[in-house]
Amino acid sequence: MESLGAFLKNRRDRITPARIGLRTYGSARRVPGLRREEVAQLAGVSAGYYTRLEQGQTDSASEQVLTALARVLQLDEIESLHLHNLARQPTNPGVSEPPQETPHARVLAFLKSLDAATPAIVLGRRGDVLAWNPTGHALFAEHIAFDTPQDVGRRPSVPRMFFLDPLARDLHRNWEELARVHVAYLRLTAGRFPTDARLAELIGELVMRSDEFAAMWATGEVADCTIGDMHLQHPTVGAVSVAYQVWLQPDSPDHRLEIYTPNDSSSADALHILTHGDDLQHPVGLHREPICRSEP
């Protein structure tokens, strides 16, 4: 998991004096971005206090100070939220087993009411698939049994699928773009839930087993994941391009309903074929065990 100090240093390294109009008078600099003293001065705090923040020697940072630091480091709205989340963490939070995630009955009813040609997936806080409709399953994971989300120990994990399942990787033509979004969102989630043992295990596993995940995680990028495009090469219907949008759930704020709509007529036709295929008449699907399931 990430600390407040590590995030501050990462963002400090990115801000050059020229970017914020700070004159350096040609003096040699030993840091890639701003010095601690410069950040402190621009934020209106003492250099000693800011140094203690970066080194994790103090757990007190007021909203005013955090707002000033976000301004100096030119953080966007999501990065600022992440900064505040990190600042609220206890010094040594430890980890604990989180409660079991169950999709709310209202979101399941809404999922069932969607048009058959509209793929949709319900995701938990760590990216586990809690539910999907037949078209969502057929579009993204037809090699995994349809009923796996109903079993906590077998639930597919989208982050694991992206980085550890070759079939899932081959499905996405814009894999790298989407992978970076997944990593950035996972960092935002880690800031919200610093004591989630299963989230810590997931991040640790991906760092150890995927060099690409480790490299993306090391960049320190943080972002929300609400809208975008997925360009797929589906093994059954060929090229498909869909736009995704995330609907947050008032009853379960940690859960996200992702809905996908076609970007062009050929993609709409492909979704129609998936909807009316034989597999969807008996949506148990293939019985191959997923290699990227959620750990119990």
C-alpha atoms as a PDB file:
ATOM      1  CA  MET A   1       0.000   0.000   0.000  1.00  0.00           C
ATOM      2  CA  GLU A   2       1.071   3.594  -0.556  1.00  0.00           C
ATOM      3  CA  SER A   3       2.009   6.127   2.116  1.00  0.00           C
ATOM      4  CA  LEU A   4       1.289   9.849   2.154  1.00  0.00           C
ATOM      5  CA  GLY A   5       5.016  10.599   2.053  1.00  0.00           C
ATOM      6  CA  ALA A   6       5.623   8.412  -0.998  1.00  0.00           C
ATOM      7  CA  PHE A   7       2.775  10.087  -2.885  1.00  0.00           C
ATOM      8  CA  LEU A   8       3.997  13.580  -1.999  1.00  0.00           C
ATOM      9  CA  LYS A   9       7.532  12.781  -3.152  1.00  0.00           C
ATOM     10  CA  ASN A  10       6.287  11.226  -6.385  1.00  0.00           C
ATOM     11  CA  ARG A  11       4.284  14.329  -7.224  1.00  0.00           C
ATOM     12  CA  ARG A  12       7.037  16.712  -6.054  1.00  0.00           C
ATOM     13  CA  ASP A  13       9.470  15.031  -8.454  1.00  0.00           C
ATOM     14  CA  ARG A  14       7.108  15.759 -11.352  1.00  0.00           C
ATOM     15  CA  ILE A  15       6.847  19.514 -10.862  1.00  0.00           C
ATOM     16  CA  THR A  16       9.764  21.433 -12.352  1.00  0.00           C
ATOM     17  CA  PRO A  17      10.506  24.993 -11.202  1.00  0.00           C
ATOM     18  CA  ALA A  18       9.813  26.261 -14.726  1.00  0.00           C
ATOM     19  CA  ARG A  19       6.381  24.662 -14.698  1.00  0.00           C
ATOM     20  CA  ILE A  20       5.265  26.839 -11.806  1.00  0.00           C
ATOM     21  CA  GLY A  21       7.306  29.909 -12.773  1.00  0.00           C
ATOM     22  CA  LEU A  22       9.933  29.498 -10.058  1.00  0.00           C
ATOM     23  CA  ARG A  23      13.304  31.077 -10.914  1.00  0.00           C
ATOM     24  CA  THR A  24      16.392  29.000 -10.076  1.00  0.00           C
ATOM     25  CA  TYR A  25      19.121  31.450 -11.135  1.00  0.00           C
ATOM     26  CA  GLY A  26      21.060  28.698 -12.875  1.00  0.00           C
ATOM     27  CA  SER A  27      21.997  26.870  -9.696  1.00  0.00           C
ATOM     28  CA  ALA A  28      22.708  23.157  -9.934  1.00  0.00           C
ATOM     29  CA  ARG A  29      19.810  20.967  -8.775  1.00  0.00           C
ATOM     30  CA  ARG A  30      20.105  17.452  -7.411  1.00  0.00           C
ATOM     31  CA  VAL A  31      16.405  16.590  -7.571  1.00  0.00           C
ATOM     32  CA  PRO A  32      14.274  16.045 -10.712  1.00  0.00           C
ATOM     33  CA  GLY A  33      11.503  18.351  -9.527  1.00  0.00           C
ATOM     34  CA  LEU A  34      10.949  20.755  -6.657  1.00  0.00           C
ATOM     35  CA  ARG A  35      12.971  20.717  -3.463  1.00  0.00           C
ATOM     36  CA  ARG A  36      11.156  20.078  -0.207  1.00  0.00           C
ATOM     37  CA  GLU A  37      11.925  23.614   0.903  1.00  0.00           C
ATOM     38  CA  GLU A  38      10.328  25.021  -2.245  1.00  0.00           C
ATOM     39  CA  VAL A  39       7.134  23.010  -1.794  1.00  0.00           C
ATOM     40  CA  ALA A  40       6.943  24.089   1.835  1.00  0.00           C
ATOM     41  CA  GLN A  41       7.428  27.769   0.992  1.00  0.00           C
ATOM     42  CA  LEU A  42       4.832  27.716  -1.788  1.00  0.00           C
ATOM     43  CA  ALA A  43       2.336  25.888   0.452  1.00  0.00           C
ATOM     44  CA  GLY A  44       2.895  28.245   3.369  1.00  0.00           C
ATOM     45  CA  VAL A  45       4.269  25.686   5.834  1.00  0.00           C
ATOM     46  CA  SER A  46       7.658  25.260   7.431  1.00  0.00           C
ATOM     47  CA  ALA A  47      10.299  23.156   5.689  1.00  0.00           C
ATOM     48  CA  GLY A  48      10.652  21.012   8.798  1.00  0.00           C
ATOM     49  CA  TYR A  49       6.946  20.259   8.923  1.00  0.00           C
ATOM     50  CA  TYR A  50       6.781  19.317   5.252  1.00  0.00           C
ATOM     51  CA  THR A  51       9.855  17.104   5.633  1.00  0.00           C
ATOM     52  CA  ARG A  52       8.180  15.281   8.524  1.00  0.00           C
ATOM     53  CA  LEU A  53       5.093  14.736   6.344  1.00  0.00           C
ATOM     54  CA  GLU A  54       7.178  13.153   3.576  1.00  0.00           C
ATOM     55  CA  GLN A  55       9.115  11.009   6.028  1.00  0.00           C
ATOM     56  CA  GLY A  56       5.991   9.793   7.816  1.00  0.00           C
ATOM     57  CA  GLN A  57       7.028  11.366  11.100  1.00  0.00           C
ATOM     58  CA  THR A  58       3.742  13.169  11.620  1.00  0.00           C
ATOM     59  CA  ASP A  59       0.159  12.039  11.093  1.00  0.00           C
ATOM     60  CA  SER A  60      -1.446  15.471  11.354  1.00  0.00           C
ATOM     61  CA  ALA A  61      -2.243  17.470   8.233  1.00  0.00           C
ATOM     62  CA  SER A  62      -5.126  19.918   8.218  1.00  0.00           C
ATOM     63  CA  GLU A  63      -7.526  20.326   5.315  1.00  0.00           C
ATOM     64  CA  GLN A  64      -5.985  23.749   4.706  1.00  0.00           C
ATOM     65  CA  VAL A  65      -2.476  22.294   4.415  1.00  0.00           C
ATOM     66  CA  LEU A  66      -3.619  19.469   2.145  1.00  0.00           C
ATOM     67  CA  THR A  67      -5.448  21.912  -0.116  1.00  0.00           C
ATOM     68  CA  ALA A  68      -2.328  24.077  -0.332  1.00  0.00           C
ATOM     69  CA  LEU A  69      -0.139  21.074  -1.168  1.00  0.00           C
ATOM     70  CA  ALA A  70      -2.592  19.942  -3.846  1.00  0.00           C
ATOM     71  CA  ARG A  71      -2.414  23.409  -5.391  1.00  0.00           C
ATOM     72  CA  VAL A  72       1.392  23.551  -5.363  1.00  0.00           C
ATOM     73  CA  LEU A  73       1.741  20.021  -6.757  1.00  0.00           C
ATOM     74  CA  GLN A  74      -0.952  20.747  -9.364  1.00  0.00           C
ATOM     75  CA  LEU A  75      -3.068  17.741  -8.451  1.00  0.00           C
ATOM     76  CA  ASP A  76      -6.309  17.128 -10.285  1.00  0.00           C
ATOM     77  CA  GLU A  77      -9.575  16.362  -8.487  1.00  0.00           C
ATOM     78  CA  ILE A  78      -8.957  12.615  -8.188  1.00  0.00           C
ATOM     79  CA  GLU A  79      -5.334  13.049  -7.136  1.00  0.00           C
ATOM     80  CA  SER A  80      -6.444  15.533  -4.483  1.00  0.00           C
ATOM     81  CA  LEU A  81      -9.012  13.032  -3.210  1.00  0.00           C
ATOM     82  CA  HIS A  82      -6.273  10.404  -3.033  1.00  0.00           C
ATOM     83  CA  LEU A  83      -4.039  12.823  -1.110  1.00  0.00           C
ATOM     84  CA  HIS A  84      -6.793  13.369   1.467  1.00  0.00           C
ATOM     85  CA  ASN A  85      -7.438   9.620   1.710  1.00  0.00           C
ATOM     86  CA  LEU A  86      -3.770   8.948   2.427  1.00  0.00           C
ATOM     87  CA  ALA A  87      -3.633  11.735   5.002  1.00  0.00           C
ATOM     88  CA  ARG A  88      -6.531  10.181   6.918  1.00  0.00           C
ATOM     89  CA  GLN A  89      -4.792   6.825   7.255  1.00  0.00           C
ATOM     90  CA  PRO A  90      -3.494   5.865  10.706  1.00  0.00           C
ATOM     91  CA  THR A  91       0.280   5.718  11.009  1.00  0.00           C
ATOM     92  CA  ASN A  92       0.410   1.926  11.274  1.00  0.00           C
ATOM     93  CA  PRO A  93      -3.018   0.771  10.090  1.00  0.00           C
ATOM     94  CA  GLY A  94      -2.349  -2.947   9.752  1.00  0.00           C
ATOM     95  CA  VAL A  95      -4.718  -5.074   7.687  1.00  0.00           C
ATOM     96  CA  SER A  96      -7.817  -7.118   8.421  1.00  0.00           C
ATOM     97  CA  GLU A  97     -10.138  -9.475   6.572  1.00  0.00           C
ATOM     98  CA  PRO A  98     -12.838  -7.398   4.857  1.00  0.00           C
ATOM     99  CA  PRO A  99     -16.515  -8.371   4.921  1.00  0.00           C
ATOM    100  CA  GLN A 100     -17.830 -10.548   2.119  1.00  0.00           C
ATOM    101  CA  GLU A 101     -19.166  -8.547  -0.820  1.00  0.00           C
ATOM    102  CA  THR A 102     -22.704  -9.234  -1.988  1.00  0.00           C
ATOM    103  CA  PRO A 103     -24.429  -7.325  -4.794  1.00  0.00           C
ATOM    104  CA  HIS A 104     -27.551  -5.525  -3.631  1.00  0.00           C
ATOM    105  CA  ALA A 105     -30.921  -6.877  -4.758  1.00  0.00           C
ATOM    106  CA  ARG A 106     -31.762  -3.572  -6.449  1.00  0.00           C
ATOM    107  CA  VAL A 107     -28.687  -3.627  -8.681  1.00  0.00           C
ATOM    108  CA  LEU A 108     -29.373  -7.260  -9.576  1.00  0.00           C
ATOM    109  CA  ALA A 109     -32.940  -6.326 -10.515  1.00  0.00           C
ATOM    110  CA  PHE A 110     -31.638  -3.458 -12.640  1.00  0.00           C
ATOM    111  CA  LEU A 111     -29.080  -5.764 -14.257  1.00  0.00           C
ATOM    112  CA  LYS A 112     -31.852  -8.190 -15.173  1.00  0.00           C
ATOM    113  CA  SER A 113     -34.019  -5.411 -16.610  1.00  0.00           C
ATOM    114  CA  LEU A 114     -31.410  -4.219 -19.112  1.00  0.00           C
ATOM    115  CA  ASP A 115     -31.904  -4.875 -22.791  1.00  0.00           C
ATOM    116  CA  ALA A 116     -30.493  -8.278 -23.708  1.00  0.00           C
ATOM    117  CA  ALA A 117     -27.992  -6.716 -26.134  1.00  0.00           C
ATOM    118  CA  THR A 118     -26.545  -4.389 -23.468  1.00  0.00           C
ATOM    119  CA  PRO A 119     -23.536  -5.995 -21.747  1.00  0.00           C
ATOM    120  CA  ALA A 120     -23.231  -5.150 -18.053  1.00  0.00           C
ATOM    121  CA  ILE A 121     -21.076  -6.246 -15.120  1.00  0.00           C
ATOM    122  CA  VAL A 122     -21.274  -5.529 -11.373  1.00  0.00           C
ATOM    123  CA  LEU A 123     -17.819  -5.103  -9.811  1.00  0.00           C
ATOM    124  CA  GLY A 124     -16.751  -5.102  -6.169  1.00  0.00           C
ATOM    125  CA  ARG A 125     -14.233  -2.769  -4.577  1.00  0.00           C
ATOM    126  CA  ARG A 126     -11.236  -4.908  -5.660  1.00  0.00           C
ATOM    127  CA  GLY A 127     -12.516  -5.511  -9.192  1.00  0.00           C
ATOM    128  CA  ASP A 128     -14.087  -8.906  -8.460  1.00  0.00           C
ATOM    129  CA  VAL A 129     -17.044  -9.723 -10.722  1.00  0.00           C
ATOM    130  CA  LEU A 130     -20.053  -9.902  -8.398  1.00  0.00           C
ATOM    131  CA  ALA A 131     -22.582 -10.419 -11.205  1.00  0.00           C
ATOM    132  CA  TRP A 132     -22.972 -10.054 -14.959  1.00  0.00           C
ATOM    133  CA  ASN A 133     -25.694 -10.469 -17.495  1.00  0.00           C
ATOM    134  CA  PRO A 134     -25.367 -13.098 -20.246  1.00  0.00           C
ATOM    135  CA  THR A 135     -24.142 -10.620 -22.851  1.00  0.00           C
ATOM    136  CA  GLY A 136     -21.584  -9.110 -20.492  1.00  0.00           C
ATOM    137  CA  HIS A 137     -20.284 -12.595 -19.764  1.00  0.00           C
ATOM    138  CA  ALA A 138     -20.218 -13.584 -23.440  1.00  0.00           C
ATOM    139  CA  LEU A 139     -18.429 -10.391 -24.453  1.00  0.00           C
ATOM    140  CA  PHE A 140     -15.650 -10.406 -21.867  1.00  0.00           C
ATOM    141  CA  ALA A 141     -15.211 -13.893 -20.444  1.00  0.00           C
ATOM    142  CA  GLU A 142     -16.868 -16.601 -22.462  1.00  0.00           C
ATOM    143  CA  HIS A 143     -14.012 -18.957 -21.466  1.00  0.00           C
ATOM    144  CA  ILE A 144     -15.167 -18.739 -17.837  1.00  0.00           C
ATOM    145  CA  ALA A 145     -18.325 -20.398 -16.507  1.00  0.00           C
ATOM    146  CA  PHE A 146     -21.291 -18.020 -16.294  1.00  0.00           C
ATOM    147  CA  ASP A 147     -22.076 -18.928 -12.688  1.00  0.00           C
ATOM    148  CA  THR A 148     -18.621 -18.197 -11.196  1.00  0.00           C
ATOM    149  CA  PRO A 149     -19.619 -14.825  -9.645  1.00  0.00           C
ATOM    150  CA  GLN A 150     -22.149 -16.639  -7.457  1.00  0.00           C
ATOM    151  CA  ASP A 151     -19.334 -18.494  -5.659  1.00  0.00           C
ATOM    152  CA  VAL A 152     -17.112 -16.209  -3.565  1.00  0.00           C
ATOM    153  CA  GLY A 153     -14.130 -18.499  -3.996  1.00  0.00           C
ATOM    154  CA  ARG A 154     -14.463 -18.646  -7.794  1.00  0.00           C
ATOM    155  CA  ARG A 155     -15.316 -15.044  -8.628  1.00  0.00           C
ATOM    156  CA  PRO A 156     -13.283 -13.726 -11.552  1.00  0.00           C
ATOM    157  CA  SER A 157     -10.927 -10.869 -10.685  1.00  0.00           C
ATOM    158  CA  VAL A 158     -10.711  -8.265 -13.445  1.00  0.00           C
ATOM    159  CA  PRO A 159      -7.206  -7.048 -12.415  1.00  0.00           C
ATOM    160  CA  ARG A 160      -5.925 -10.636 -12.389  1.00  0.00           C
ATOM    161  CA  MET A 161      -7.568 -11.313 -15.741  1.00  0.00           C
ATOM    162  CA  PHE A 162      -5.969  -8.233 -17.277  1.00  0.00           C
ATOM    163  CA  PHE A 163      -2.441  -9.096 -16.191  1.00  0.00           C
ATOM    164  CA  LEU A 164      -2.411 -12.874 -15.714  1.00  0.00           C
ATOM    165  CA  ASP A 165      -4.904 -14.346 -18.216  1.00  0.00           C
ATOM    166  CA  PRO A 166      -3.545 -14.463 -21.805  1.00  0.00           C
ATOM    167  CA  LEU A 167      -7.047 -14.896 -23.256  1.00  0.00           C
ATOM    168  CA  ALA A 168      -8.309 -11.762 -21.525  1.00  0.00           C
ATOM    169  CA  ARG A 169      -5.243  -9.847 -22.693  1.00  0.00           C
ATOM    170  CA  ASP A 170      -5.644 -10.953 -26.316  1.00  0.00           C
ATOM    171  CA  LEU A 171      -9.282  -9.840 -26.187  1.00  0.00           C
ATOM    172  CA  HIS A 172      -8.409  -6.148 -25.709  1.00  0.00           C
ATOM    173  CA  ARG A 173      -6.877  -4.332 -28.666  1.00  0.00           C
ATOM    174  CA  ASN A 174      -6.207  -1.251 -26.491  1.00  0.00           C
ATOM    175  CA  TRP A 175      -4.892  -3.403 -23.639  1.00  0.00           C
ATOM    176  CA  GLU A 176      -2.115  -1.083 -22.468  1.00  0.00           C
ATOM    177  CA  GLU A 177      -4.401   1.953 -22.237  1.00  0.00           C
ATOM    178  CA  LEU A 178      -6.993   0.010 -20.248  1.00  0.00           C
ATOM    179  CA  ALA A 179      -4.365  -1.693 -18.097  1.00  0.00           C
ATOM    180  CA  ARG A 180      -2.993   1.682 -16.993  1.00  0.00           C
ATOM    181  CA  VAL A 181      -6.506   2.808 -16.086  1.00  0.00           C
ATOM    182  CA  HIS A 182      -7.023  -0.349 -14.008  1.00  0.00           C
ATOM    183  CA  VAL A 183      -3.746   0.170 -12.144  1.00  0.00           C
ATOM    184  CA  ALA A 184      -4.487   3.841 -11.483  1.00  0.00           C
ATOM    185  CA  TYR A 185      -7.952   2.993 -10.170  1.00  0.00           C
ATOM    186  CA  LEU A 186      -6.537   0.217  -7.990  1.00  0.00           C
ATOM    187  CA  ARG A 187      -4.232   2.804  -6.393  1.00  0.00           C
ATOM    188  CA  LEU A 188      -7.198   5.078  -5.690  1.00  0.00           C
ATOM    189  CA  THR A 189      -9.012   2.124  -4.105  1.00  0.00           C
ATOM    190  CA  ALA A 190      -5.982   1.263  -1.985  1.00  0.00           C
ATOM    191  CA  GLY A 191      -6.018   4.796  -0.593  1.00  0.00           C
ATOM    192  CA  ARG A 192      -9.680   4.420   0.353  1.00  0.00           C
ATOM    193  CA  PHE A 193      -9.266   0.992   1.970  1.00  0.00           C
ATOM    194  CA  PRO A 194      -5.765   0.819   3.500  1.00  0.00           C
ATOM    195  CA  THR A 195      -6.667  -2.013   5.904  1.00  0.00           C
ATOM    196  CA  ASP A 196      -8.210  -4.359   3.309  1.00  0.00           C
ATOM    197  CA  ALA A 197      -6.067  -7.498   3.564  1.00  0.00           C
ATOM    198  CA  ARG A 198      -7.368  -9.022   0.325  1.00  0.00           C
ATOM    199  CA  LEU A 199      -6.672  -5.803  -1.572  1.00  0.00           C
ATOM    200  CA  ALA A 200      -3.109  -5.746  -0.233  1.00  0.00           C
ATOM    201  CA  GLU A 201      -2.690  -9.400  -1.243  1.00  0.00           C
ATOM    202  CA  LEU A 202      -4.005  -8.667  -4.739  1.00  0.00           C
ATOM    203  CA  ILE A 203      -1.591  -5.784  -5.295  1.00  0.00           C
ATOM    204  CA  GLY A 204       1.317  -7.803  -3.888  1.00  0.00           C
ATOM    205  CA  GLU A 205       0.487 -10.776  -6.095  1.00  0.00           C
ATOM    206  CA  LEU A 206       0.287  -8.669  -9.252  1.00  0.00           C
ATOM    207  CA  VAL A 207       3.553  -6.881  -8.472  1.00  0.00           C
ATOM    208  CA  MET A 208       5.287 -10.237  -8.020  1.00  0.00           C
ATOM    209  CA  ARG A 209       3.740 -12.053 -10.999  1.00  0.00           C
ATOM    210  CA  SER A 210       3.514  -9.306 -13.627  1.00  0.00           C
ATOM    211  CA  ASP A 211       6.455  -7.095 -14.562  1.00  0.00           C
ATOM    212  CA  GLU A 212       4.077  -4.881 -16.518  1.00  0.00           C
ATOM    213  CA  PHE A 213       1.838  -4.332 -13.506  1.00  0.00           C
ATOM    214  CA  ALA A 214       4.888  -3.612 -11.333  1.00  0.00           C
ATOM    215  CA  ALA A 215       6.143  -1.006 -13.815  1.00  0.00           C
ATOM    216  CA  MET A 216       2.735   0.669 -14.068  1.00  0.00           C
ATOM    217  CA  TRP A 217       2.277   0.626 -10.297  1.00  0.00           C
ATOM    218  CA  ALA A 218       5.683   2.258  -9.816  1.00  0.00           C
ATOM    219  CA  THR A 219       4.611   5.317 -11.845  1.00  0.00           C
ATOM    220  CA  GLY A 220       2.300   6.372  -9.006  1.00  0.00           C
ATOM    221  CA  GLU A 221      -0.586   7.188 -11.349  1.00  0.00           C
ATOM    222  CA  VAL A 222      -3.982   7.524  -9.691  1.00  0.00           C
ATOM    223  CA  ALA A 223      -7.313   7.966 -11.493  1.00  0.00           C
ATOM    224  CA  ASP A 224     -10.958   7.117 -11.380  1.00  0.00           C
ATOM    225  CA  CYS A 225     -12.421   4.818 -14.012  1.00  0.00           C
ATOM    226  CA  THR A 226     -15.867   6.043 -15.059  1.00  0.00           C
ATOM    227  CA  ILE A 227     -16.017   6.358 -18.864  1.00  0.00           C
ATOM    228  CA  GLY A 228     -13.949   5.198 -21.809  1.00  0.00           C
ATOM    229  CA  ASP A 229     -13.726   2.959 -24.829  1.00  0.00           C
ATOM    230  CA  MET A 230     -12.825  -0.702 -25.180  1.00  0.00           C
ATOM    231  CA  HIS A 231     -11.696  -2.040 -28.531  1.00  0.00           C
ATOM    232  CA  LEU A 232     -11.970  -5.818 -28.597  1.00  0.00           C
ATOM    233  CA  GLN A 233     -11.024  -8.662 -30.894  1.00  0.00           C
ATOM    234  CA  HIS A 234     -13.608 -11.193 -29.832  1.00  0.00           C
ATOM    235  CA  PRO A 235     -12.937 -14.867 -30.629  1.00  0.00           C
ATOM    236  CA  THR A 236     -16.552 -15.412 -31.742  1.00  0.00           C
ATOM    237  CA  VAL A 237     -17.731 -12.173 -33.388  1.00  0.00           C
ATOM    238  CA  GLY A 238     -14.476 -10.439 -34.316  1.00  0.00           C
ATOM    239  CA  ALA A 239     -13.804  -6.721 -33.912  1.00  0.00           C
ATOM    240  CA  VAL A 240     -16.074  -4.964 -31.402  1.00  0.00           C
ATOM    241  CA  SER A 241     -15.798  -1.412 -30.090  1.00  0.00           C
ATOM    242  CA  VAL A 242     -17.841  -0.410 -27.047  1.00  0.00           C
ATOM    243  CA  ALA A 243     -18.051   2.597 -24.757  1.00  0.00           C
ATOM    244  CA  TYR A 244     -18.253   1.905 -21.037  1.00  0.00           C
ATOM    245  CA  GLN A 245     -19.800   4.002 -18.313  1.00  0.00           C
ATOM    246  CA  VAL A 246     -19.832   3.326 -14.593  1.00  0.00           C
ATOM    247  CA  TRP A 247     -22.936   3.724 -12.445  1.00  0.00           C
ATOM    248  CA  LEU A 248     -22.270   4.004  -8.743  1.00  0.00           C
ATOM    249  CA  GLN A 249     -24.621   2.212  -6.386  1.00  0.00           C
ATOM    250  CA  PRO A 250     -26.210   4.206  -3.519  1.00  0.00           C
ATOM    251  CA  ASP A 251     -27.055   1.007  -1.642  1.00  0.00           C
ATOM    252  CA  SER A 252     -23.500  -0.334  -2.044  1.00  0.00           C
ATOM    253  CA  PRO A 253     -21.138   2.624  -2.615  1.00  0.00           C
ATOM    254  CA  ASP A 254     -18.110   0.336  -2.979  1.00  0.00           C
ATOM    255  CA  HIS A 255     -19.715  -1.448  -5.942  1.00  0.00           C
ATOM    256  CA  ARG A 256     -19.814  -0.308  -9.556  1.00  0.00           C
ATOM    257  CA  LEU A 257     -22.190  -1.239 -12.362  1.00  0.00           C
ATOM    258  CA  GLU A 258     -20.410  -1.040 -15.710  1.00  0.00           C
ATOM    259  CA  ILE A 259     -22.622  -0.765 -18.789  1.00  0.00           C
ATOM    260  CA  TYR A 260     -21.302  -1.089 -22.345  1.00  0.00           C
ATOM    261  CA  THR A 261     -22.831   0.354 -25.510  1.00  0.00           C
ATOM    262  CA  PRO A 262     -21.662  -0.139 -29.121  1.00  0.00           C
ATOM    263  CA  ASN A 263     -19.619   2.593 -30.778  1.00  0.00           C
ATOM    264  CA  ASP A 264     -20.684   1.718 -34.326  1.00  0.00           C
ATOM    265  CA  SER A 265     -23.200  -0.330 -36.284  1.00  0.00           C
ATOM    266  CA  SER A 266     -20.887  -3.315 -36.808  1.00  0.00           C
ATOM    267  CA  SER A 267     -20.319  -3.527 -33.048  1.00  0.00           C
ATOM    268  CA  ALA A 268     -24.069  -3.339 -32.470  1.00  0.00           C
ATOM    269  CA  ASP A 269     -24.485  -6.240 -34.891  1.00  0.00           C
ATOM    270  CA  ALA A 270     -21.813  -8.213 -33.028  1.00  0.00           C
ATOM    271  CA  LEU A 271     -23.609  -7.687 -29.715  1.00  0.00           C
ATOM    272  CA  HIS A 272     -26.845  -8.818 -31.349  1.00  0.00           C
ATOM    273  CA  ILE A 273     -25.134 -12.020 -32.474  1.00  0.00           C
ATOM    274  CA  LEU A 274     -23.820 -12.629 -28.954  1.00  0.00           C
ATOM    275  CA  THR A 275     -27.274 -11.991 -27.527  1.00  0.00           C
ATOM    276  CA  HIS A 276     -28.991 -14.520 -29.743  1.00  0.00           C
ATOM    277  CA  GLY A 277     -26.263 -17.144 -29.787  1.00  0.00           C
ATOM    278  CA  ASP A 278     -26.907 -20.654 -28.532  1.00  0.00           C
ATOM    279  CA  ASP A 279     -24.683 -20.171 -25.487  1.00  0.00           C
ATOM    280  CA  LEU A 280     -26.948 -17.442 -24.184  1.00  0.00           C
ATOM    281  CA  GLN A 281     -29.965 -19.696 -24.320  1.00  0.00           C
ATOM    282  CA  HIS A 282     -28.174 -21.882 -21.742  1.00  0.00           C
ATOM    283  CA  PRO A 283     -25.931 -19.360 -19.985  1.00  0.00           C
ATOM    284  CA  VAL A 284     -23.911 -21.776 -17.893  1.00  0.00           C
ATOM    285  CA  GLY A 285     -21.173 -21.384 -20.489  1.00  0.00           C
ATOM    286  CA  LEU A 286     -17.947 -23.322 -20.555  1.00  0.00           C
ATOM    287  CA  HIS A 287     -16.845 -25.152 -17.452  1.00  0.00           C
ATOM    288  CA  ARG A 288     -13.198 -24.263 -17.588  1.00  0.00           C
ATOM    289  CA  GLU A 289     -11.937 -23.096 -14.190  1.00  0.00           C
ATOM    290  CA  PRO A 290     -10.795 -19.445 -14.307  1.00  0.00           C
ATOM    291  CA  ILE A 291      -7.106 -18.882 -13.633  1.00  0.00           C
ATOM    292  CA  CYS A 292      -7.766 -15.360 -12.364  1.00  0.00           C
ATOM    293  CA  ARG A 293     -10.427 -16.011  -9.791  1.00  0.00           C
ATOM    294  CA  SER A 294     -10.761 -14.068  -6.558  1.00  0.00           C
ATOM    295  CA  GLU A 295      -9.045 -15.727  -3.645  1.00  0.00           C
ATOM    296  CA  PRO A 296     -11.398 -16.899  -0.841  1.00  0.00           C
END
